């Protein structure tokens, strides 16, 4: 194994080691700390033998110098196990920034990016976060008990419609009326603010939103 390549992710240390073929191996504990995995030993034990290894790491830290490292497939397996909301963002950072830089230059330095590059990357990351939050909020109003049913709020977010509260209420009344005319069920979804809200079949929502001119 080659020398340690240390860097930080949001002030948390990550140690990476490259093998003789130049492939990256990550210190498992560092990755588990970032992903909020409380039992690294148990998480690593479930990886394939080809996805983990042990090395002697004399990095100046006290304790047992023999540590567990994981390769790229093992890293992605741990990311998939994480319950942290930003685990996907961490994976994007690894695949889009860290690995390309290491494979090209043998190191990762955020200072090598220009100020304008950092601004662009930050804006791109914020856009991804906003899109994920919008998707999650929409899915929170999805009625899993009625496949293909959505609330007015969820449908607007999913399709990027922008409605005032009055307009949303009118759409709701239209959806109730049309559902009854078509003889289709109206679902119910738990809502933190209102206790429960109606959900409607997709074809009903398609119909009542087909003439709307209010969209983002």
N, C-alpha and C. Protein backbone atom coordinates (compact mmCIF):
# COMPACT_ATOMS: atom_id res chain seq x y z
N UNK A 1 0.83 -1.20 0.00
CA UNK A 1 0.00 0.00 0.00
C UNK A 1 0.87 1.26 0.00
N UNK A 2 0.40 2.30 -0.66
CA UNK A 2 1.13 3.55 -0.74
C UNK A 2 0.88 4.40 0.50
N UNK A 3 1.39 5.62 0.47
CA UNK A 3 1.23 6.53 1.60
C UNK A 3 -0.22 6.95 1.77
N UNK A 4 -0.50 7.48 2.96
CA UNK A 4 -1.84 7.96 3.28
C UNK A 4 -2.10 9.26 2.54
N UNK A 5 -3.33 9.39 2.02
CA UNK A 5 -3.79 10.65 1.44
C UNK A 5 -4.90 11.18 2.35
N UNK A 6 -4.59 12.13 3.23
CA UNK A 6 -5.61 12.63 4.15
C UNK A 6 -6.33 13.86 3.59
N UNK A 7 -7.60 13.97 3.84
CA UNK A 7 -8.36 15.18 3.51
C UNK A 7 -9.61 15.19 4.37
N UNK A 8 -10.39 16.23 4.25
CA UNK A 8 -11.57 16.39 5.10
C UNK A 8 -12.84 16.48 4.28
N UNK A 9 -13.91 15.99 4.89
CA UNK A 9 -15.25 16.18 4.34
C UNK A 9 -16.07 16.88 5.42
N UNK A 10 -16.38 18.15 5.19
CA UNK A 10 -17.14 18.95 6.15
C UNK A 10 -16.53 18.83 7.55
N UNK A 11 -15.21 19.07 7.63
CA UNK A 11 -14.42 19.11 8.87
C UNK A 11 -14.16 17.74 9.48
N UNK A 12 -14.61 16.65 8.84
CA UNK A 12 -14.33 15.30 9.33
C UNK A 12 -13.23 14.66 8.49
N UNK A 13 -12.26 14.06 9.18
CA UNK A 13 -11.11 13.50 8.49
C UNK A 13 -11.43 12.23 7.73
N UNK A 14 -10.85 12.11 6.54
CA UNK A 14 -10.91 10.88 5.76
C UNK A 14 -9.48 10.52 5.39
N UNK A 15 -9.12 9.25 5.62
CA UNK A 15 -7.80 8.77 5.21
C UNK A 15 -7.95 7.76 4.09
N UNK A 16 -7.21 7.98 3.03
CA UNK A 16 -7.28 7.13 1.85
C UNK A 16 -5.89 6.59 1.56
N UNK A 17 -5.83 5.35 1.13
CA UNK A 17 -4.56 4.71 0.77
C UNK A 17 -4.71 4.12 -0.63
N UNK A 18 -3.70 4.30 -1.46
CA UNK A 18 -3.71 3.70 -2.79
C UNK A 18 -2.85 2.45 -2.81
N UNK A 19 -3.38 1.40 -3.46
CA UNK A 19 -2.59 0.18 -3.55
C UNK A 19 -1.61 0.27 -4.72
N UNK A 20 -0.93 -0.83 -4.98
CA UNK A 20 0.12 -0.83 -6.01
C UNK A 20 -0.44 -0.55 -7.41
N UNK A 21 -1.72 -0.84 -7.60
CA UNK A 21 -2.36 -0.58 -8.90
C UNK A 21 -2.98 0.83 -8.97
N UNK A 22 -2.81 1.59 -7.90
CA UNK A 22 -3.36 2.93 -7.87
C UNK A 22 -4.82 3.01 -7.44
N UNK A 23 -5.40 1.87 -7.01
CA UNK A 23 -6.80 1.86 -6.60
C UNK A 23 -6.93 2.36 -5.16
N UNK A 24 -7.96 3.15 -4.89
CA UNK A 24 -8.12 3.74 -3.55
C UNK A 24 -8.74 2.77 -2.55
N UNK A 25 -8.23 2.81 -1.32
CA UNK A 25 -8.80 2.09 -0.19
C UNK A 25 -9.03 3.10 0.92
N UNK A 26 -10.18 3.02 1.57
CA UNK A 26 -10.59 3.99 2.56
C UNK A 26 -10.53 3.39 3.96
N UNK A 27 -10.12 4.18 4.94
CA UNK A 27 -10.16 3.73 6.33
C UNK A 27 -11.63 3.59 6.72
N UNK A 28 -12.03 2.39 7.05
CA UNK A 28 -13.45 2.09 7.27
C UNK A 28 -14.06 2.93 8.38
N UNK A 29 -13.32 3.13 9.47
CA UNK A 29 -13.87 3.90 10.59
C UNK A 29 -14.17 5.33 10.18
N UNK A 30 -13.30 5.94 9.37
CA UNK A 30 -13.53 7.32 8.92
C UNK A 30 -14.84 7.41 8.15
N UNK A 31 -15.06 6.45 7.24
CA UNK A 31 -16.27 6.45 6.42
C UNK A 31 -17.51 6.23 7.29
N UNK A 32 -17.42 5.29 8.23
CA UNK A 32 -18.56 5.02 9.11
C UNK A 32 -18.90 6.22 9.97
N UNK A 33 -17.89 6.95 10.44
CA UNK A 33 -18.15 8.15 11.24
C UNK A 33 -18.92 9.19 10.43
N UNK A 34 -18.53 9.37 9.18
CA UNK A 34 -19.19 10.37 8.32
C UNK A 34 -20.62 9.94 8.00
N UNK A 35 -20.82 8.64 7.80
CA UNK A 35 -22.14 8.13 7.42
C UNK A 35 -23.05 7.86 8.61
N UNK A 36 -22.54 8.09 9.82
CA UNK A 36 -23.37 7.89 11.00
C UNK A 36 -23.61 6.42 11.32
N UNK A 37 -22.71 5.55 10.87
CA UNK A 37 -22.83 4.11 11.17
C UNK A 37 -22.16 3.88 12.52
N UNK A 38 -22.95 3.51 13.52
CA UNK A 38 -22.46 3.47 14.89
C UNK A 38 -21.63 2.24 15.21
N UNK A 39 -21.78 1.18 14.45
CA UNK A 39 -21.03 -0.04 14.70
C UNK A 39 -20.22 -0.41 13.45
N UNK A 40 -19.05 0.23 13.27
CA UNK A 40 -18.26 -0.03 12.07
C UNK A 40 -17.87 -1.49 11.91
N UNK A 41 -17.52 -2.16 13.03
CA UNK A 41 -17.08 -3.55 12.94
C UNK A 41 -18.18 -4.43 12.36
N UNK A 42 -19.41 -4.24 12.83
CA UNK A 42 -20.52 -5.05 12.32
C UNK A 42 -20.79 -4.74 10.86
N UNK A 43 -20.76 -3.44 10.49
CA UNK A 43 -21.03 -3.05 9.10
C UNK A 43 -19.98 -3.64 8.16
N UNK A 44 -18.71 -3.57 8.56
CA UNK A 44 -17.64 -4.08 7.71
C UNK A 44 -17.69 -5.61 7.62
N UNK A 45 -18.12 -6.27 8.70
CA UNK A 45 -18.17 -7.74 8.70
C UNK A 45 -19.12 -8.28 7.64
N UNK A 46 -20.08 -7.46 7.20
CA UNK A 46 -21.06 -7.91 6.22
C UNK A 46 -20.59 -7.68 4.78
N UNK A 47 -19.41 -7.06 4.63
CA UNK A 47 -18.85 -6.86 3.30
C UNK A 47 -18.17 -8.14 2.83
N UNK A 48 -18.04 -8.29 1.52
CA UNK A 48 -17.32 -9.42 0.97
C UNK A 48 -15.83 -9.28 1.32
N UNK A 49 -15.13 -10.42 1.36
CA UNK A 49 -13.70 -10.39 1.67
C UNK A 49 -12.92 -9.57 0.66
N UNK A 50 -13.40 -9.56 -0.58
CA UNK A 50 -12.72 -8.81 -1.63
C UNK A 50 -12.89 -7.30 -1.47
N UNK A 51 -13.82 -6.89 -0.59
CA UNK A 51 -14.12 -5.46 -0.42
C UNK A 51 -13.45 -4.86 0.82
N UNK A 52 -12.67 -5.66 1.56
CA UNK A 52 -12.05 -5.17 2.78
C UNK A 52 -10.67 -5.78 2.95
N UNK A 53 -9.86 -5.12 3.78
CA UNK A 53 -8.52 -5.60 4.05
C UNK A 53 -8.05 -4.98 5.36
N UNK A 54 -6.91 -5.39 5.85
CA UNK A 54 -6.32 -4.81 7.05
C UNK A 54 -4.89 -4.42 6.76
N UNK A 55 -4.46 -3.27 7.27
CA UNK A 55 -3.10 -2.80 7.06
C UNK A 55 -2.57 -2.22 8.36
N UNK A 56 -1.24 -2.13 8.46
CA UNK A 56 -0.60 -1.44 9.56
C UNK A 56 -0.46 0.01 9.16
N UNK A 57 -1.07 0.89 9.92
CA UNK A 57 -1.07 2.31 9.57
C UNK A 57 -0.41 3.10 10.69
N UNK A 58 0.81 3.55 10.47
CA UNK A 58 1.54 4.35 11.45
C UNK A 58 1.38 5.82 11.09
N UNK A 59 0.26 6.40 11.54
CA UNK A 59 -0.03 7.79 11.20
C UNK A 59 0.13 8.72 12.39
N UNK A 60 0.77 8.24 13.45
CA UNK A 60 1.00 9.10 14.60
C UNK A 60 -0.09 9.03 15.65
N UNK A 61 -1.21 8.41 15.34
CA UNK A 61 -2.30 8.28 16.30
C UNK A 61 -2.02 7.13 17.26
N UNK A 62 -2.46 7.28 18.50
CA UNK A 62 -2.27 6.22 19.49
C UNK A 62 -3.23 5.06 19.22
N UNK A 63 -2.89 3.92 19.81
CA UNK A 63 -3.76 2.76 19.68
C UNK A 63 -3.20 1.74 18.71
N UNK A 64 -4.03 0.76 18.38
CA UNK A 64 -3.63 -0.33 17.50
C UNK A 64 -3.38 0.20 16.09
N UNK A 65 -2.14 0.03 15.57
CA UNK A 65 -1.86 0.55 14.22
C UNK A 65 -2.50 -0.26 13.10
N UNK A 66 -3.03 -1.46 13.42
CA UNK A 66 -3.69 -2.28 12.40
C UNK A 66 -5.13 -1.82 12.23
N UNK A 67 -5.46 -1.38 11.05
CA UNK A 67 -6.80 -0.85 10.81
C UNK A 67 -7.44 -1.55 9.62
N UNK A 68 -8.74 -1.45 9.57
CA UNK A 68 -9.51 -2.03 8.47
C UNK A 68 -9.73 -0.98 7.38
N UNK A 69 -9.51 -1.38 6.15
CA UNK A 69 -9.73 -0.50 5.01
C UNK A 69 -10.71 -1.17 4.06
N UNK A 70 -11.39 -0.35 3.26
CA UNK A 70 -12.37 -0.87 2.30
C UNK A 70 -12.09 -0.27 0.92
N UNK A 71 -12.40 -1.03 -0.11
CA UNK A 71 -12.19 -0.51 -1.46
C UNK A 71 -13.44 0.22 -1.96
N UNK A 72 -13.44 0.60 -3.21
CA UNK A 72 -14.54 1.40 -3.75
C UNK A 72 -15.89 0.69 -3.69
N UNK A 73 -15.99 -0.60 -4.10
CA UNK A 73 -17.28 -1.30 -3.94
C UNK A 73 -17.72 -1.38 -2.49
N UNK A 74 -16.77 -1.59 -1.58
CA UNK A 74 -17.12 -1.62 -0.16
C UNK A 74 -17.61 -0.29 0.33
N UNK A 75 -17.00 0.78 -0.17
CA UNK A 75 -17.43 2.13 0.19
C UNK A 75 -18.88 2.35 -0.19
N UNK A 76 -19.25 1.96 -1.42
CA UNK A 76 -20.62 2.18 -1.88
C UNK A 76 -21.61 1.32 -1.08
N UNK A 77 -21.19 0.13 -0.66
CA UNK A 77 -22.06 -0.71 0.16
C UNK A 77 -22.37 -0.02 1.49
N UNK A 78 -21.36 0.59 2.10
CA UNK A 78 -21.58 1.30 3.37
C UNK A 78 -22.46 2.52 3.17
N UNK A 79 -22.27 3.22 2.05
CA UNK A 79 -23.12 4.38 1.76
C UNK A 79 -24.58 3.96 1.65
N UNK A 80 -24.82 2.81 1.03
CA UNK A 80 -26.19 2.31 0.88
C UNK A 80 -26.80 1.94 2.23
N UNK A 81 -25.97 1.55 3.19
CA UNK A 81 -26.47 1.17 4.52
C UNK A 81 -26.78 2.40 5.38
N UNK A 82 -26.20 3.54 5.02
CA UNK A 82 -26.35 4.74 5.85
C UNK A 82 -27.78 5.27 5.81
N UNK A 83 -28.24 5.76 6.97
CA UNK A 83 -29.56 6.35 7.07
C UNK A 83 -29.50 7.88 7.09
N UNK A 84 -28.30 8.44 6.94
CA UNK A 84 -28.16 9.89 6.94
C UNK A 84 -28.73 10.47 5.64
N UNK A 85 -29.49 11.56 5.72
CA UNK A 85 -30.09 12.15 4.52
C UNK A 85 -29.07 12.60 3.49
N UNK A 86 -27.86 12.99 3.93
CA UNK A 86 -26.88 13.51 2.98
C UNK A 86 -25.89 12.45 2.51
N UNK A 87 -26.19 11.15 2.72
CA UNK A 87 -25.29 10.09 2.27
C UNK A 87 -25.11 10.13 0.75
N UNK A 88 -26.18 10.44 0.03
CA UNK A 88 -26.09 10.50 -1.43
C UNK A 88 -25.21 11.68 -1.86
N UNK A 89 -25.30 12.78 -1.10
CA UNK A 89 -24.44 13.94 -1.41
C UNK A 89 -22.97 13.58 -1.19
N UNK A 90 -22.70 12.82 -0.14
CA UNK A 90 -21.33 12.36 0.12
C UNK A 90 -20.84 11.49 -1.03
N UNK A 91 -21.71 10.60 -1.51
CA UNK A 91 -21.33 9.74 -2.64
C UNK A 91 -21.05 10.57 -3.88
N UNK A 92 -21.89 11.59 -4.15
CA UNK A 92 -21.66 12.45 -5.30
C UNK A 92 -20.31 13.14 -5.19
N UNK A 93 -19.97 13.60 -4.00
CA UNK A 93 -18.69 14.28 -3.78
C UNK A 93 -17.52 13.32 -4.05
N UNK A 94 -17.66 12.07 -3.59
CA UNK A 94 -16.61 11.08 -3.81
C UNK A 94 -16.43 10.80 -5.30
N UNK A 95 -17.55 10.54 -5.99
CA UNK A 95 -17.46 10.11 -7.39
C UNK A 95 -17.19 11.25 -8.36
N UNK A 96 -17.65 12.46 -8.03
CA UNK A 96 -17.52 13.58 -8.97
C UNK A 96 -16.29 14.44 -8.71
N UNK A 97 -15.82 14.48 -7.46
CA UNK A 97 -14.70 15.36 -7.12
C UNK A 97 -13.45 14.59 -6.70
N UNK A 98 -13.60 13.76 -5.67
CA UNK A 98 -12.42 13.14 -5.05
C UNK A 98 -11.73 12.15 -5.97
N UNK A 99 -12.46 11.13 -6.43
CA UNK A 99 -11.82 10.07 -7.22
C UNK A 99 -11.22 10.59 -8.52
N UNK A 100 -11.92 11.44 -9.29
CA UNK A 100 -11.29 11.97 -10.50
C UNK A 100 -9.99 12.73 -10.21
N UNK A 101 -9.98 13.51 -9.11
CA UNK A 101 -8.79 14.27 -8.76
C UNK A 101 -7.64 13.34 -8.36
N UNK A 102 -7.93 12.33 -7.55
CA UNK A 102 -6.88 11.41 -7.09
C UNK A 102 -6.32 10.62 -8.26
N UNK A 103 -7.18 10.17 -9.16
CA UNK A 103 -6.71 9.36 -10.28
C UNK A 103 -5.92 10.20 -11.29
N UNK A 104 -6.19 11.50 -11.29
CA UNK A 104 -5.48 12.37 -12.22
C UNK A 104 -4.18 12.91 -11.63
N UNK A 105 -4.22 13.30 -10.34
CA UNK A 105 -3.06 13.97 -9.74
C UNK A 105 -2.44 13.21 -8.57
N UNK A 106 -3.12 12.15 -8.09
CA UNK A 106 -2.61 11.41 -6.94
C UNK A 106 -2.94 12.07 -5.62
N UNK A 107 -3.75 13.11 -5.64
CA UNK A 107 -4.14 13.79 -4.40
C UNK A 107 -5.45 14.53 -4.62
N UNK A 108 -6.04 14.98 -3.51
CA UNK A 108 -7.27 15.77 -3.58
C UNK A 108 -7.07 17.04 -2.81
N UNK A 109 -7.16 18.15 -3.50
CA UNK A 109 -6.98 19.45 -2.86
C UNK A 109 -8.09 20.38 -3.31
N UNK A 110 -8.90 20.82 -2.37
CA UNK A 110 -9.98 21.74 -2.73
C UNK A 110 -9.41 23.09 -3.14
N UNK A 111 -8.20 23.42 -2.64
CA UNK A 111 -7.59 24.70 -2.98
C UNK A 111 -7.20 24.79 -4.45
N UNK A 112 -7.12 23.61 -5.12
CA UNK A 112 -6.75 23.62 -6.53
C UNK A 112 -7.88 24.14 -7.41
N UNK A 113 -9.07 24.25 -6.84
CA UNK A 113 -10.20 24.78 -7.59
C UNK A 113 -10.20 26.29 -7.52
N UNK A 114 -10.59 26.92 -8.62
CA UNK A 114 -10.68 28.38 -8.62
C UNK A 114 -11.91 28.80 -7.84
N UNK A 115 -11.96 30.07 -7.49
CA UNK A 115 -13.10 30.58 -6.72
C UNK A 115 -14.40 30.41 -7.50
N UNK A 116 -14.35 30.67 -8.80
CA UNK A 116 -15.56 30.54 -9.61
C UNK A 116 -15.99 29.09 -9.70
N UNK A 117 -15.00 28.14 -9.74
CA UNK A 117 -15.32 26.72 -9.76
C UNK A 117 -16.05 26.32 -8.48
N UNK A 118 -15.57 26.84 -7.34
CA UNK A 118 -16.19 26.52 -6.06
C UNK A 118 -17.61 27.05 -6.01
N UNK A 119 -17.82 28.26 -6.54
CA UNK A 119 -19.16 28.84 -6.56
C UNK A 119 -20.10 27.99 -7.41
N UNK A 120 -19.62 27.57 -8.58
CA UNK A 120 -20.43 26.76 -9.47
C UNK A 120 -20.77 25.42 -8.83
N UNK A 121 -19.75 24.77 -8.20
CA UNK A 121 -19.99 23.49 -7.55
C UNK A 121 -20.96 23.63 -6.40
N UNK A 122 -20.84 24.73 -5.64
CA UNK A 122 -21.74 24.95 -4.51
C UNK A 122 -23.17 25.14 -4.99
N UNK A 123 -23.34 25.92 -6.06
CA UNK A 123 -24.67 26.15 -6.60
C UNK A 123 -25.27 24.85 -7.12
N UNK A 124 -24.42 24.04 -7.77
CA UNK A 124 -24.89 22.75 -8.30
C UNK A 124 -25.33 21.84 -7.16
N UNK A 125 -24.54 21.83 -6.08
CA UNK A 125 -24.88 20.99 -4.93
C UNK A 125 -26.17 21.44 -4.28
N UNK A 126 -26.35 22.77 -4.14
CA UNK A 126 -27.57 23.29 -3.54
C UNK A 126 -28.79 22.96 -4.39
N UNK A 127 -28.63 22.99 -5.70
CA UNK A 127 -29.73 22.65 -6.60
C UNK A 127 -30.13 21.19 -6.41
N UNK A 128 -29.13 20.31 -6.28
CA UNK A 128 -29.42 18.89 -6.08
C UNK A 128 -30.15 18.66 -4.76
N UNK A 129 -29.69 19.36 -3.72
CA UNK A 129 -30.32 19.23 -2.42
C UNK A 129 -31.78 19.68 -2.48
N UNK A 130 -32.01 20.82 -3.15
CA UNK A 130 -33.38 21.34 -3.27
C UNK A 130 -34.26 20.36 -4.03
N UNK A 131 -33.72 19.77 -5.10
CA UNK A 131 -34.50 18.80 -5.88
C UNK A 131 -34.84 17.57 -5.05
N UNK A 132 -33.89 17.11 -4.23
CA UNK A 132 -34.13 15.93 -3.40
C UNK A 132 -35.17 16.22 -2.32
N UNK A 133 -35.06 17.43 -1.73
CA UNK A 133 -36.02 17.80 -0.69
C UNK A 133 -37.43 17.89 -1.28
N UNK A 134 -37.52 18.47 -2.48
CA UNK A 134 -38.82 18.58 -3.14
C UNK A 134 -39.39 17.20 -3.42
N UNK A 135 -38.53 16.30 -3.91
CA UNK A 135 -38.98 14.94 -4.20
C UNK A 135 -39.42 14.22 -2.93
N UNK A 136 -38.65 14.38 -1.85
CA UNK A 136 -39.00 13.73 -0.59
C UNK A 136 -40.30 14.28 -0.03
N UNK A 137 -40.47 15.61 -0.16
CA UNK A 137 -41.71 16.21 0.35
C UNK A 137 -42.90 15.72 -0.44
N UNK A 138 -42.72 15.60 -1.75
CA UNK A 138 -43.81 15.07 -2.57
C UNK A 138 -44.13 13.63 -2.20
N UNK A 139 -43.08 12.83 -2.01
CA UNK A 139 -43.30 11.42 -1.67
C UNK A 139 -43.95 11.27 -0.30
N UNK A 140 -43.72 12.25 0.59
CA UNK A 140 -44.32 12.15 1.91
C UNK A 140 -45.84 12.28 1.84
N UNK A 141 -46.35 12.84 0.74
CA UNK A 141 -47.79 12.98 0.54
C UNK A 141 -48.33 11.92 -0.42
N UNK A 142 -47.46 11.00 -0.79
CA UNK A 142 -47.91 9.92 -1.68
C UNK A 142 -48.64 8.87 -0.85
N UNK A 143 -49.79 8.46 -1.31
CA UNK A 143 -50.60 7.50 -0.55
C UNK A 143 -50.23 6.09 -0.99
N UNK A 144 -49.35 5.43 -0.22
CA UNK A 144 -48.90 4.10 -0.61
C UNK A 144 -50.04 3.08 -0.59
N UNK A 145 -51.11 3.39 0.12
CA UNK A 145 -52.23 2.47 0.17
C UNK A 145 -53.07 2.50 -1.10
N UNK A 146 -52.90 3.56 -1.88
CA UNK A 146 -53.61 3.69 -3.15
C UNK A 146 -52.58 3.99 -4.22
N UNK A 147 -52.14 2.98 -4.93
CA UNK A 147 -51.12 3.17 -5.95
C UNK A 147 -51.60 4.15 -7.00
N UNK A 148 -50.76 5.14 -7.30
CA UNK A 148 -51.12 6.14 -8.30
C UNK A 148 -51.96 7.27 -7.78
N UNK A 149 -52.03 7.45 -6.47
CA UNK A 149 -52.78 8.53 -5.85
C UNK A 149 -51.83 9.57 -5.25
N UNK A 150 -52.19 10.86 -5.42
CA UNK A 150 -51.36 11.95 -4.90
C UNK A 150 -52.25 13.03 -4.30
N UNK A 151 -51.70 13.74 -3.32
CA UNK A 151 -52.42 14.91 -2.82
C UNK A 151 -52.20 16.07 -3.79
N UNK A 152 -52.97 17.13 -3.63
CA UNK A 152 -52.79 18.32 -4.48
C UNK A 152 -51.38 18.88 -4.28
N UNK A 153 -50.93 18.97 -3.03
CA UNK A 153 -49.59 19.50 -2.74
C UNK A 153 -48.51 18.66 -3.40
N UNK A 154 -48.62 17.35 -3.25
CA UNK A 154 -47.61 16.46 -3.83
C UNK A 154 -47.60 16.56 -5.35
N UNK A 155 -48.78 16.62 -5.95
CA UNK A 155 -48.87 16.70 -7.42
C UNK A 155 -48.24 17.99 -7.93
N UNK A 156 -48.46 19.08 -7.22
CA UNK A 156 -47.87 20.37 -7.61
C UNK A 156 -46.35 20.31 -7.53
N UNK A 157 -45.84 19.75 -6.45
CA UNK A 157 -44.39 19.66 -6.30
C UNK A 157 -43.78 18.71 -7.33
N UNK A 158 -44.45 17.62 -7.58
CA UNK A 158 -43.95 16.65 -8.53
C UNK A 158 -43.87 17.23 -9.94
N UNK A 159 -44.86 18.05 -10.29
CA UNK A 159 -44.93 18.61 -11.64
C UNK A 159 -44.52 20.07 -11.72
N UNK A 160 -44.02 20.61 -10.59
CA UNK A 160 -43.50 21.98 -10.53
C UNK A 160 -44.56 23.02 -10.85
N UNK A 161 -45.79 22.77 -10.37
CA UNK A 161 -46.83 23.79 -10.43
C UNK A 161 -46.71 24.67 -9.19
N UNK A 162 -47.06 25.93 -9.36
CA UNK A 162 -47.08 26.86 -8.22
C UNK A 162 -48.50 27.40 -8.06
N UNK A 163 -49.14 27.08 -6.93
CA UNK A 163 -50.51 27.52 -6.68
C UNK A 163 -50.59 28.27 -5.36
N UNK A 164 -51.50 29.25 -5.31
CA UNK A 164 -51.80 29.87 -4.02
C UNK A 164 -52.67 28.91 -3.22
N UNK A 165 -52.85 29.21 -1.95
CA UNK A 165 -53.69 28.35 -1.11
C UNK A 165 -55.11 28.28 -1.65
N UNK A 166 -55.65 29.44 -2.07
CA UNK A 166 -57.01 29.45 -2.63
C UNK A 166 -57.10 28.61 -3.89
N UNK A 167 -56.10 28.72 -4.75
CA UNK A 167 -56.10 27.94 -5.99
C UNK A 167 -56.01 26.44 -5.69
N UNK A 168 -55.19 26.10 -4.71
CA UNK A 168 -55.06 24.69 -4.33
C UNK A 168 -56.37 24.15 -3.78
N UNK A 169 -57.07 24.97 -2.99
CA UNK A 169 -58.37 24.56 -2.45
C UNK A 169 -59.38 24.35 -3.57
N UNK A 170 -59.35 25.23 -4.57
CA UNK A 170 -60.26 25.08 -5.71
C UNK A 170 -59.96 23.80 -6.48
N UNK A 171 -58.66 23.52 -6.66
CA UNK A 171 -58.28 22.28 -7.36
C UNK A 171 -58.75 21.07 -6.57
N UNK A 172 -58.67 21.17 -5.25
CA UNK A 172 -59.15 20.07 -4.41
C UNK A 172 -60.63 19.83 -4.59
N UNK A 173 -61.41 20.92 -4.61
CA UNK A 173 -62.86 20.78 -4.82
C UNK A 173 -63.16 20.19 -6.19
N UNK A 174 -62.39 20.64 -7.19
CA UNK A 174 -62.58 20.10 -8.55
C UNK A 174 -62.25 18.61 -8.59
N UNK A 175 -61.20 18.22 -7.86
CA UNK A 175 -60.79 16.82 -7.85
C UNK A 175 -61.84 15.94 -7.16
N UNK A 176 -62.43 16.45 -6.09
CA UNK A 176 -63.49 15.72 -5.40
C UNK A 176 -64.68 15.52 -6.33
N UNK A 177 -65.07 16.62 -6.99
CA UNK A 177 -66.22 16.56 -7.90
C UNK A 177 -65.98 15.58 -9.04
N UNK A 178 -64.79 15.66 -9.67
CA UNK A 178 -64.50 14.79 -10.80
C UNK A 178 -64.38 13.33 -10.37
N UNK A 179 -63.78 13.09 -9.21
CA UNK A 179 -63.65 11.72 -8.70
C UNK A 179 -65.02 11.09 -8.52
N UNK A 180 -65.96 11.88 -7.98
CA UNK A 180 -67.32 11.36 -7.79
C UNK A 180 -68.02 11.11 -9.11
N UNK A 181 -67.80 12.00 -10.08
CA UNK A 181 -68.41 11.83 -11.40
C UNK A 181 -67.88 10.57 -12.08
N UNK A 182 -66.60 10.30 -11.89
CA UNK A 182 -65.98 9.14 -12.53
C UNK A 182 -66.14 7.87 -11.70
N UNK A 183 -66.65 8.01 -10.49
CA UNK A 183 -66.85 6.86 -9.63
C UNK A 183 -65.57 6.24 -9.12
N UNK A 184 -64.55 7.07 -8.85
CA UNK A 184 -63.27 6.54 -8.34
C UNK A 184 -63.09 6.93 -6.87
N UNK A 185 -62.32 6.16 -6.16
CA UNK A 185 -62.10 6.41 -4.75
C UNK A 185 -61.30 7.69 -4.51
N UNK A 186 -61.52 8.27 -3.35
CA UNK A 186 -60.70 9.38 -2.87
C UNK A 186 -59.94 8.86 -1.65
N UNK A 187 -58.61 8.97 -1.70
CA UNK A 187 -57.79 8.45 -0.62
C UNK A 187 -57.58 9.46 0.49
N UNK A 188 -56.93 9.01 1.55
CA UNK A 188 -56.59 9.87 2.68
C UNK A 188 -55.11 9.68 3.02
N UNK A 189 -54.44 10.79 3.31
CA UNK A 189 -53.03 10.76 3.69
C UNK A 189 -52.85 11.55 4.97
N UNK A 190 -52.07 10.99 5.91
CA UNK A 190 -51.79 11.71 7.15
C UNK A 190 -50.98 12.97 6.86
N UNK A 191 -51.31 14.05 7.53
CA UNK A 191 -50.63 15.32 7.33
C UNK A 191 -50.38 15.95 8.70
N UNK A 192 -49.13 16.42 8.93
CA UNK A 192 -48.77 16.97 10.23
C UNK A 192 -49.57 18.22 10.57
N UNK A 193 -49.91 19.00 9.55
CA UNK A 193 -50.62 20.26 9.82
C UNK A 193 -52.12 20.08 9.93
N UNK A 194 -52.69 19.25 9.05
CA UNK A 194 -54.15 19.16 8.96
C UNK A 194 -54.72 17.84 9.46
N UNK A 195 -53.85 16.96 9.92
CA UNK A 195 -54.33 15.67 10.40
C UNK A 195 -54.45 14.66 9.28
N UNK A 196 -55.24 15.01 8.25
CA UNK A 196 -55.39 14.15 7.08
C UNK A 196 -55.84 15.00 5.90
N UNK A 197 -55.36 14.65 4.71
CA UNK A 197 -55.76 15.36 3.49
C UNK A 197 -56.13 14.33 2.43
N UNK A 198 -56.93 14.77 1.47
CA UNK A 198 -57.36 13.87 0.40
C UNK A 198 -56.24 13.61 -0.59
N UNK A 199 -56.27 12.43 -1.16
CA UNK A 199 -55.39 12.12 -2.29
C UNK A 199 -56.27 11.62 -3.44
N UNK A 200 -55.83 11.90 -4.67
CA UNK A 200 -56.66 11.64 -5.84
C UNK A 200 -55.89 10.83 -6.87
N UNK A 201 -56.65 10.12 -7.71
CA UNK A 201 -56.02 9.29 -8.72
C UNK A 201 -55.33 10.17 -9.76
N UNK A 202 -54.26 9.65 -10.34
CA UNK A 202 -53.44 10.44 -11.25
C UNK A 202 -54.23 10.97 -12.45
N UNK A 203 -55.12 10.16 -13.02
CA UNK A 203 -55.85 10.63 -14.19
C UNK A 203 -56.81 11.77 -13.84
N UNK A 204 -57.32 11.75 -12.60
CA UNK A 204 -58.16 12.86 -12.14
C UNK A 204 -57.33 14.15 -12.05
N UNK A 205 -56.15 14.03 -11.46
CA UNK A 205 -55.28 15.20 -11.33
C UNK A 205 -54.80 15.70 -12.68
N UNK A 206 -54.49 14.76 -13.57
CA UNK A 206 -54.12 15.16 -14.94
C UNK A 206 -55.20 16.02 -15.58
N UNK A 207 -56.44 15.61 -15.37
CA UNK A 207 -57.56 16.31 -16.00
C UNK A 207 -57.76 17.70 -15.41
N UNK A 208 -57.74 17.82 -14.10
CA UNK A 208 -58.02 19.13 -13.50
C UNK A 208 -56.86 20.11 -13.62
N UNK A 209 -55.65 19.58 -13.85
CA UNK A 209 -54.48 20.46 -14.02
C UNK A 209 -54.17 20.71 -15.49
N UNK A 210 -54.93 20.09 -16.38
CA UNK A 210 -54.61 20.19 -17.81
C UNK A 210 -54.73 21.61 -18.33
N UNK A 211 -55.58 22.41 -17.72
CA UNK A 211 -55.78 23.78 -18.21
C UNK A 211 -55.12 24.84 -17.32
N UNK A 212 -54.39 24.40 -16.29
CA UNK A 212 -53.78 25.39 -15.41
C UNK A 212 -52.67 26.13 -16.12
N UNK A 213 -52.59 27.40 -15.84
CA UNK A 213 -51.55 28.24 -16.46
C UNK A 213 -50.51 28.66 -15.44
N UNK A 214 -50.69 28.21 -14.23
CA UNK A 214 -49.78 28.61 -13.14
C UNK A 214 -48.76 27.52 -12.95
N UNK A 215 -47.55 27.71 -13.41
CA UNK A 215 -46.49 26.73 -13.23
C UNK A 215 -45.17 27.45 -13.11
N UNK A 216 -44.20 26.73 -12.48
CA UNK A 216 -42.89 27.35 -12.28
C UNK A 216 -42.04 27.22 -13.52
